[in-house]
All heavy atoms as atom14 arrays in JSON, in Angstrom:
{
  "sequence": "KIVYPICCGMDVHKSFVVACIAATNGHGVTTYKSKRFS",
  "atom14_mask": [
    [1, 1, 1, 1, 1, 1, 1, 1, 1, 0, 0, 0, 0, 0],
    [1, 1, 1, 1, 1, 1, 1, 1, 0, 0, 0, 0, 0, 0],
    [1, 1, 1, 1, 1, 1, 1, 0, 0, 0, 0, 0, 0, 0],
    [1, 1, 1, 1, 1, 1, 1, 1, 1, 1, 1, 1, 0, 0],
    [1, 1, 1, 1, 1, 1, 1, 0, 0, 0, 0, 0, 0, 0],
    [1, 1, 1, 1, 1, 1, 1, 1, 0, 0, 0, 0, 0, 0],
    [1, 1, 1, 1, 1, 1, 0, 0, 0, 0, 0, 0, 0, 0],
    [1, 1, 1, 1, 1, 1, 0, 0, 0, 0, 0, 0, 0, 0],
    [1, 1, 1, 1, 0, 0, 0, 0, 0, 0, 0, 0, 0, 0],
    [1, 1, 1, 1, 1, 1, 1, 1, 0, 0, 0, 0, 0, 0],
    [1, 1, 1, 1, 1, 1, 1, 1, 0, 0, 0, 0, 0, 0],
    [1, 1, 1, 1, 1, 1, 1, 0, 0, 0, 0, 0, 0, 0],
    [1, 1, 1, 1, 1, 1, 1, 1, 1, 1, 0, 0, 0, 0],
    [1, 1, 1, 1, 1, 1, 1, 1, 1, 0, 0, 0, 0, 0],
    [1, 1, 1, 1, 1, 1, 0, 0, 0, 0, 0, 0, 0, 0],
    [1, 1, 1, 1, 1, 1, 1, 1, 1, 1, 1, 0, 0, 0],
    [1, 1, 1, 1, 1, 1, 1, 0, 0, 0, 0, 0, 0, 0],
    [1, 1, 1, 1, 1, 1, 1, 0, 0, 0, 0, 0, 0, 0],
    [1, 1, 1, 1, 1, 0, 0, 0, 0, 0, 0, 0, 0, 0],
    [1, 1, 1, 1, 1, 1, 0, 0, 0, 0, 0, 0, 0, 0],
    [1, 1, 1, 1, 1, 1, 1, 1, 0, 0, 0, 0, 0, 0],
    [1, 1, 1, 1, 1, 0, 0, 0, 0, 0, 0, 0, 0, 0],
    [1, 1, 1, 1, 1, 0, 0, 0, 0, 0, 0, 0, 0, 0],
    [1, 1, 1, 1, 1, 1, 1, 0, 0, 0, 0, 0, 0, 0],
    [1, 1, 1, 1, 1, 1, 1, 1, 0, 0, 0, 0, 0, 0],
    [1, 1, 1, 1, 0, 0, 0, 0, 0, 0, 0, 0, 0, 0],
    [1, 1, 1, 1, 1, 1, 1, 1, 1, 1, 0, 0, 0, 0],
    [1, 1, 1, 1, 0, 0, 0, 0, 0, 0, 0, 0, 0, 0],
    [1, 1, 1, 1, 1, 1, 1, 0, 0, 0, 0, 0, 0, 0],
    [1, 1, 1, 1, 1, 1, 1, 0, 0, 0, 0, 0, 0, 0],
    [1, 1, 1, 1, 1, 1, 1, 0, 0, 0, 0, 0, 0, 0],
    [1, 1, 1, 1, 1, 1, 1, 1, 1, 1, 1, 1, 0, 0],
    [1, 1, 1, 1, 1, 1, 1, 1, 1, 0, 0, 0, 0, 0],
    [1, 1, 1, 1, 1, 1, 0, 0, 0, 0, 0, 0, 0, 0],
    [1, 1, 1, 1, 1, 1, 1, 1, 1, 0, 0, 0, 0, 0],
    [1, 1, 1, 1, 1, 1, 1, 1, 1, 1, 1, 0, 0, 0],
    [1, 1, 1, 1, 1, 1, 1, 1, 1, 1, 1, 0, 0, 0],
    [1, 1, 1, 1, 1, 1, 0, 0, 0, 0, 0, 0, 0, 0]
  ],
  "atom14_positions": [
    [[94.84, 61.8, 154.66], [95.2, 62.07, 153.34], [93.85, 62.45, 152.62], [92.73, 61.88, 152.79], [95.7, 60.92, 152.63], [96.06, 61.02, 151.22], [96.65, 59.82, 150.61], [96.98, 59.94, 149.08], [97.43, 58.68, 148.54], [0.0, 0.0, 0.0], [0.0, 0.0, 0.0], [0.0, 0.0, 0.0], [0.0, 0.0, 0.0], [0.0, 0.0, 0.0]],
    [[93.89, 63.49, 151.78], [92.8, 63.92, 150.91], [92.75, 63.04, 149.64], [93.73, 63.13, 148.75], [92.9, 65.48, 150.53], [92.98, 66.31, 151.78], [91.68, 65.83, 149.64], [91.66, 66.23, 152.59], [0.0, 0.0, 0.0], [0.0, 0.0, 0.0], [0.0, 0.0, 0.0], [0.0, 0.0, 0.0], [0.0, 0.0, 0.0], [0.0, 0.0, 0.0]],
    [[91.9, 62.18, 149.51], [91.8, 61.37, 148.39], [91.02, 61.93, 147.23], [91.39, 61.8, 146.04], [91.12, 60.01, 148.7], [91.03, 58.94, 147.56], [91.93, 59.35, 149.92], [0.0, 0.0, 0.0], [0.0, 0.0, 0.0], [0.0, 0.0, 0.0], [0.0, 0.0, 0.0], [0.0, 0.0, 0.0], [0.0, 0.0, 0.0], [0.0, 0.0, 0.0]],
    [[89.87, 62.66, 147.53], [89.11, 63.39, 146.55], [89.23, 64.8, 146.82], [88.45, 65.44, 147.63], [87.67, 62.72, 146.67], [87.53, 61.39, 146.36], [87.17, 60.52, 147.53], [87.73, 60.83, 145.17], [87.12, 59.15, 147.3], [87.53, 59.42, 144.94], [87.28, 58.62, 146.04], [87.15, 57.24, 145.84], [0.0, 0.0, 0.0], [0.0, 0.0, 0.0]],
    [[90.05, 65.65, 146.08], [90.14, 67.01, 146.34], [88.87, 67.73, 146.1], [88.58, 68.76, 146.76], [91.19, 67.43, 145.28], [91.95, 66.26, 144.99], [90.97, 65.14, 145.07], [0.0, 0.0, 0.0], [0.0, 0.0, 0.0], [0.0, 0.0, 0.0], [0.0, 0.0, 0.0], [0.0, 0.0, 0.0], [0.0, 0.0, 0.0], [0.0, 0.0, 0.0]],
    [[88.05, 67.33, 145.14], [86.78, 67.87, 144.79], [85.71, 66.81, 144.79], [85.77, 65.83, 144.01], [86.68, 68.68, 143.41], [87.75, 69.72, 143.35], [85.37, 69.33, 143.18], [87.9, 70.41, 142.0], [0.0, 0.0, 0.0], [0.0, 0.0, 0.0], [0.0, 0.0, 0.0], [0.0, 0.0, 0.0], [0.0, 0.0, 0.0], [0.0, 0.0, 0.0]],
    [[84.88, 66.85, 145.76], [83.8, 65.85, 145.93], [82.53, 66.48, 146.41], [82.57, 67.63, 146.84], [84.28, 64.74, 146.83], [84.62, 65.15, 148.55], [0.0, 0.0, 0.0], [0.0, 0.0, 0.0], [0.0, 0.0, 0.0], [0.0, 0.0, 0.0], [0.0, 0.0, 0.0], [0.0, 0.0, 0.0], [0.0, 0.0, 0.0], [0.0, 0.0, 0.0]],
    [[81.43, 65.59, 146.43], [80.13, 66.17, 146.89], [79.51, 65.21, 147.78], [79.46, 63.92, 147.47], [79.22, 66.35, 145.67], [77.65, 66.98, 146.12], [0.0, 0.0, 0.0], [0.0, 0.0, 0.0], [0.0, 0.0, 0.0], [0.0, 0.0, 0.0], [0.0, 0.0, 0.0], [0.0, 0.0, 0.0], [0.0, 0.0, 0.0], [0.0, 0.0, 0.0]],
    [[78.87, 65.66, 148.85], [78.06, 64.83, 149.84], [76.64, 65.21, 149.59], [76.38, 66.47, 149.52], [0.0, 0.0, 0.0], [0.0, 0.0, 0.0], [0.0, 0.0, 0.0], [0.0, 0.0, 0.0], [0.0, 0.0, 0.0], [0.0, 0.0, 0.0], [0.0, 0.0, 0.0], [0.0, 0.0, 0.0], [0.0, 0.0, 0.0], [0.0, 0.0, 0.0]],
    [[75.82, 64.25, 149.53], [74.32, 64.51, 149.35], [73.48, 63.94, 150.45], [73.63, 62.75, 150.84], [73.87, 64.01, 147.95], [74.4, 64.71, 146.74], [73.58, 64.16, 145.3], [74.26, 65.33, 144.16], [0.0, 0.0, 0.0], [0.0, 0.0, 0.0], [0.0, 0.0, 0.0], [0.0, 0.0, 0.0], [0.0, 0.0, 0.0], [0.0, 0.0, 0.0]],
    [[72.62, 64.76, 151.04], [71.64, 64.28, 151.92], [70.32, 64.23, 151.21], [69.72, 65.17, 150.78], [71.49, 65.31, 153.09], [70.74, 64.78, 154.25], [70.73, 63.62, 154.51], [69.96, 65.59, 154.92], [0.0, 0.0, 0.0], [0.0, 0.0, 0.0], [0.0, 0.0, 0.0], [0.0, 0.0, 0.0], [0.0, 0.0, 0.0], [0.0, 0.0, 0.0]],
    [[69.84, 62.94, 151.1], [68.73, 62.6, 150.24], [67.41, 62.48, 151.06], [67.34, 61.94, 152.1], [69.0, 61.33, 149.39], [67.82, 60.95, 148.55], [70.33, 61.41, 148.64], [0.0, 0.0, 0.0], [0.0, 0.0, 0.0], [0.0, 0.0, 0.0], [0.0, 0.0, 0.0], [0.0, 0.0, 0.0], [0.0, 0.0, 0.0], [0.0, 0.0, 0.0]],
    [[66.31, 63.13, 150.5], [65.04, 63.02, 151.11], [63.98, 62.73, 150.04], [64.32, 62.72, 148.89], [64.64, 64.4, 151.86], [65.63, 64.69, 152.99], [65.48, 64.29, 154.25], [66.79, 65.39, 153.03], [66.39, 64.68, 155.01], [67.19, 65.39, 154.3], [0.0, 0.0, 0.0], [0.0, 0.0, 0.0], [0.0, 0.0, 0.0], [0.0, 0.0, 0.0]],
    [[62.81, 62.68, 150.4], [61.74, 62.23, 149.42], [61.5, 63.35, 148.45], [61.4, 63.12, 147.28], [60.47, 61.9, 150.16], [59.39, 61.54, 149.23], [58.05, 61.2, 149.99], [56.9, 61.03, 148.98], [55.54, 60.65, 149.77], [0.0, 0.0, 0.0], [0.0, 0.0, 0.0], [0.0, 0.0, 0.0], [0.0, 0.0, 0.0], [0.0, 0.0, 0.0]],
    [[61.37, 64.6, 148.89], [61.03, 65.69, 148.09], [62.19, 66.7, 147.71], [61.94, 67.55, 146.93], [59.87, 66.57, 148.71], [60.31, 66.97, 149.93], [0.0, 0.0, 0.0], [0.0, 0.0, 0.0], [0.0, 0.0, 0.0], [0.0, 0.0, 0.0], [0.0, 0.0, 0.0], [0.0, 0.0, 0.0], [0.0, 0.0, 0.0], [0.0, 0.0, 0.0]],
    [[63.32, 66.5, 148.35], [64.49, 67.34, 148.06], [65.74, 66.72, 148.43], [65.82, 65.71, 149.18], [64.37, 68.81, 148.8], [64.56, 68.61, 150.27], [65.74, 68.73, 150.97], [63.38, 68.43, 151.06], [65.85, 68.64, 152.25], [63.5, 68.31, 152.43], [64.76, 68.43, 153.03], [0.0, 0.0, 0.0], [0.0, 0.0, 0.0], [0.0, 0.0, 0.0]],
    [[66.84, 67.28, 147.85], [68.15, 66.75, 148.15], [69.12, 67.95, 148.38], [68.98, 68.97, 147.72], [68.68, 65.8, 146.97], [68.66, 66.65, 145.7], [70.09, 65.31, 147.24], [0.0, 0.0, 0.0], [0.0, 0.0, 0.0], [0.0, 0.0, 0.0], [0.0, 0.0, 0.0], [0.0, 0.0, 0.0], [0.0, 0.0, 0.0], [0.0, 0.0, 0.0]],
    [[69.9, 67.88, 149.37], [70.89, 68.93, 149.7], [72.26, 68.35, 149.34], [72.73, 67.37, 149.74], [70.85, 69.26, 151.23], [71.88, 70.33, 151.59], [69.43, 69.74, 151.67], [0.0, 0.0, 0.0], [0.0, 0.0, 0.0], [0.0, 0.0, 0.0], [0.0, 0.0, 0.0], [0.0, 0.0, 0.0], [0.0, 0.0, 0.0], [0.0, 0.0, 0.0]],
    [[72.96, 69.18, 148.4], [74.24, 68.83, 147.95], [75.23, 69.71, 148.46], [75.04, 70.99, 148.55], [74.26, 68.84, 146.46], [0.0, 0.0, 0.0], [0.0, 0.0, 0.0], [0.0, 0.0, 0.0], [0.0, 0.0, 0.0], [0.0, 0.0, 0.0], [0.0, 0.0, 0.0], [0.0, 0.0, 0.0], [0.0, 0.0, 0.0], [0.0, 0.0, 0.0]],
    [[76.43, 69.26, 148.91], [77.57, 70.08, 149.38], [78.89, 69.74, 148.73], [79.26, 68.55, 148.95], [77.61, 69.92, 150.97], [78.98, 70.88, 151.71], [0.0, 0.0, 0.0], [0.0, 0.0, 0.0], [0.0, 0.0, 0.0], [0.0, 0.0, 0.0], [0.0, 0.0, 0.0], [0.0, 0.0, 0.0], [0.0, 0.0, 0.0], [0.0, 0.0, 0.0]],
    [[79.34, 70.52, 148.04], [80.72, 70.37, 147.3], [81.84, 70.79, 148.27], [81.84, 71.87, 148.73], [80.73, 71.07, 145.91], [79.73, 70.51, 145.0], [82.16, 70.98, 145.38], [79.65, 71.27, 143.71], [0.0, 0.0, 0.0], [0.0, 0.0, 0.0], [0.0, 0.0, 0.0], [0.0, 0.0, 0.0], [0.0, 0.0, 0.0], [0.0, 0.0, 0.0]],
    [[82.75, 69.94, 148.39], [83.94, 70.15, 149.28], [85.14, 70.19, 148.3], [85.52, 69.19, 147.68], [84.18, 69.09, 150.32], [0.0, 0.0, 0.0], [0.0, 0.0, 0.0], [0.0, 0.0, 0.0], [0.0, 0.0, 0.0], [0.0, 0.0, 0.0], [0.0, 0.0, 0.0], [0.0, 0.0, 0.0], [0.0, 0.0, 0.0], [0.0, 0.0, 0.0]],
    [[85.8, 71.39, 148.22], [86.86, 71.55, 147.34], [88.18, 71.85, 148.15], [88.18, 72.85, 148.95], [86.67, 72.72, 146.33], [0.0, 0.0, 0.0], [0.0, 0.0, 0.0], [0.0, 0.0, 0.0], [0.0, 0.0, 0.0], [0.0, 0.0, 0.0], [0.0, 0.0, 0.0], [0.0, 0.0, 0.0], [0.0, 0.0, 0.0], [0.0, 0.0, 0.0]],
    [[89.21, 71.09, 148.08], [90.34, 71.22, 148.89], [91.52, 71.65, 148.1], [91.88, 70.97, 146.97], [90.73, 69.86, 149.62], [89.49, 69.5, 150.34], [91.88, 70.07, 150.57], [0.0, 0.0, 0.0], [0.0, 0.0, 0.0], [0.0, 0.0, 0.0], [0.0, 0.0, 0.0], [0.0, 0.0, 0.0], [0.0, 0.0, 0.0], [0.0, 0.0, 0.0]],
    [[92.21, 72.8, 148.43], [93.33, 73.2, 147.66], [94.69, 72.54, 148.06], [94.62, 71.66, 148.9], [93.47, 74.8, 147.74], [93.69, 75.17, 149.22], [94.12, 74.43, 150.04], [93.34, 76.47, 149.49], [0.0, 0.0, 0.0], [0.0, 0.0, 0.0], [0.0, 0.0, 0.0], [0.0, 0.0, 0.0], [0.0, 0.0, 0.0], [0.0, 0.0, 0.0]],
    [[95.73, 72.99, 147.49], [97.02, 72.33, 147.69], [97.56, 72.54, 149.12], [98.48, 71.76, 149.53], [0.0, 0.0, 0.0], [0.0, 0.0, 0.0], [0.0, 0.0, 0.0], [0.0, 0.0, 0.0], [0.0, 0.0, 0.0], [0.0, 0.0, 0.0], [0.0, 0.0, 0.0], [0.0, 0.0, 0.0], [0.0, 0.0, 0.0], [0.0, 0.0, 0.0]],
    [[97.12, 73.49, 149.76], [97.42, 73.77, 151.19], [96.59, 73.05, 152.19], [96.74, 73.23, 153.47], [97.41, 75.26, 151.49], [98.31, 76.04, 150.51], [99.72, 76.06, 150.67], [98.04, 76.95, 149.53], [100.21, 76.78, 149.77], [99.13, 77.36, 149.0], [0.0, 0.0, 0.0], [0.0, 0.0, 0.0], [0.0, 0.0, 0.0], [0.0, 0.0, 0.0]],
    [[95.65, 72.11, 151.74], [94.75, 71.42, 152.58], [93.65, 72.17, 153.23], [93.02, 71.77, 154.13], [0.0, 0.0, 0.0], [0.0, 0.0, 0.0], [0.0, 0.0, 0.0], [0.0, 0.0, 0.0], [0.0, 0.0, 0.0], [0.0, 0.0, 0.0], [0.0, 0.0, 0.0], [0.0, 0.0, 0.0], [0.0, 0.0, 0.0], [0.0, 0.0, 0.0]],
    [[93.37, 73.31, 152.53], [92.18, 74.16, 153.04], [90.97, 73.85, 152.22], [91.02, 73.83, 150.97], [92.53, 75.79, 152.9], [91.25, 76.52, 153.31], [93.66, 76.13, 153.79], [0.0, 0.0, 0.0], [0.0, 0.0, 0.0], [0.0, 0.0, 0.0], [0.0, 0.0, 0.0], [0.0, 0.0, 0.0], [0.0, 0.0, 0.0], [0.0, 0.0, 0.0]],
    [[89.87, 73.5, 152.93], [88.66, 73.05, 152.21], [87.6, 74.17, 152.2], [87.33, 74.76, 153.34], [88.11, 71.74, 152.87], [89.16, 70.81, 152.85], [86.9, 71.27, 152.1], [0.0, 0.0, 0.0], [0.0, 0.0, 0.0], [0.0, 0.0, 0.0], [0.0, 0.0, 0.0], [0.0, 0.0, 0.0], [0.0, 0.0, 0.0], [0.0, 0.0, 0.0]],
    [[87.02, 74.45, 151.04], [85.91, 75.39, 150.98], [84.65, 74.6, 150.53], [84.73, 73.61, 149.85], [86.13, 76.48, 149.98], [86.46, 75.83, 148.72], [87.37, 77.27, 150.37], [0.0, 0.0, 0.0], [0.0, 0.0, 0.0], [0.0, 0.0, 0.0], [0.0, 0.0, 0.0], [0.0, 0.0, 0.0], [0.0, 0.0, 0.0], [0.0, 0.0, 0.0]],
    [[83.49, 75.09, 150.93], [82.26, 74.36, 150.77], [81.27, 75.17, 149.93], [81.2, 76.45, 150.24], [81.69, 73.95, 152.14], [82.5, 73.1, 152.95], [83.42, 73.65, 153.89], [82.59, 71.68, 152.91], [84.29, 72.78, 154.68], [83.47, 70.87, 153.6], [84.37, 71.47, 154.42], [85.14, 70.71, 155.26], [0.0, 0.0, 0.0], [0.0, 0.0, 0.0]],
    [[80.47, 74.62, 149.13], [79.31, 75.21, 148.5], [78.19, 74.22, 148.68], [78.19, 73.02, 148.31], [79.62, 75.28, 146.92], [80.68, 76.33, 146.66], [80.81, 76.46, 145.11], [81.87, 77.45, 144.76], [82.1, 77.42, 143.2], [0.0, 0.0, 0.0], [0.0, 0.0, 0.0], [0.0, 0.0, 0.0], [0.0, 0.0, 0.0], [0.0, 0.0, 0.0]],
    [[77.11, 74.78, 149.17], [75.84, 73.93, 149.46], [74.75, 74.56, 148.55], [74.59, 75.78, 148.3], [75.55, 74.09, 150.84], [76.47, 73.36, 151.64], [0.0, 0.0, 0.0], [0.0, 0.0, 0.0], [0.0, 0.0, 0.0], [0.0, 0.0, 0.0], [0.0, 0.0, 0.0], [0.0, 0.0, 0.0], [0.0, 0.0, 0.0], [0.0, 0.0, 0.0]],
    [[73.91, 73.58, 148.1], [72.71, 74.0, 147.37], [71.6, 72.93, 147.52], [71.9, 71.75, 147.67], [73.09, 74.16, 145.82], [72.06, 75.06, 145.02], [72.65, 75.41, 143.69], [71.73, 76.3, 142.95], [72.28, 76.76, 141.7], [0.0, 0.0, 0.0], [0.0, 0.0, 0.0], [0.0, 0.0, 0.0], [0.0, 0.0, 0.0], [0.0, 0.0, 0.0]],
    [[70.37, 73.38, 147.57], [69.32, 72.49, 147.64], [68.38, 72.36, 146.3], [68.18, 73.35, 145.69], [68.32, 73.0, 148.8], [67.06, 72.26, 148.96], [66.41, 72.67, 150.24], [64.99, 72.15, 150.28], [64.3, 72.13, 151.41], [64.84, 72.51, 152.6], [63.07, 71.75, 151.27], [0.0, 0.0, 0.0], [0.0, 0.0, 0.0], [0.0, 0.0, 0.0]],
    [[68.13, 71.13, 146.06], [67.36, 70.91, 144.78], [66.18, 70.04, 145.14], [66.25, 69.25, 146.09], [68.23, 70.13, 143.82], [69.52, 70.81, 143.36], [70.69, 70.61, 144.0], [69.53, 71.64, 142.23], [71.87, 71.25, 143.66], [70.68, 72.35, 141.88], [71.84, 72.15, 142.55], [0.0, 0.0, 0.0], [0.0, 0.0, 0.0], [0.0, 0.0, 0.0]],
    [[65.14, 70.25, 144.35], [63.99, 69.32, 144.54], [64.25, 68.02, 143.76], [65.22, 67.94, 143.04], [62.68, 70.0, 143.96], [62.75, 70.02, 142.55], [0.0, 0.0, 0.0], [0.0, 0.0, 0.0], [0.0, 0.0, 0.0], [0.0, 0.0, 0.0], [0.0, 0.0, 0.0], [0.0, 0.0, 0.0], [0.0, 0.0, 0.0], [0.0, 0.0, 0.0]]
  ]
}
């Protein structure tokens, strides 16, 4: 079951963090957007 249709996972480091947004539509298809921030 998809509990969070739009959520973000973060990989945390000392000098930067990588964020990945997972957006799931009504058909169960998930698209991803990733971005790196200092």
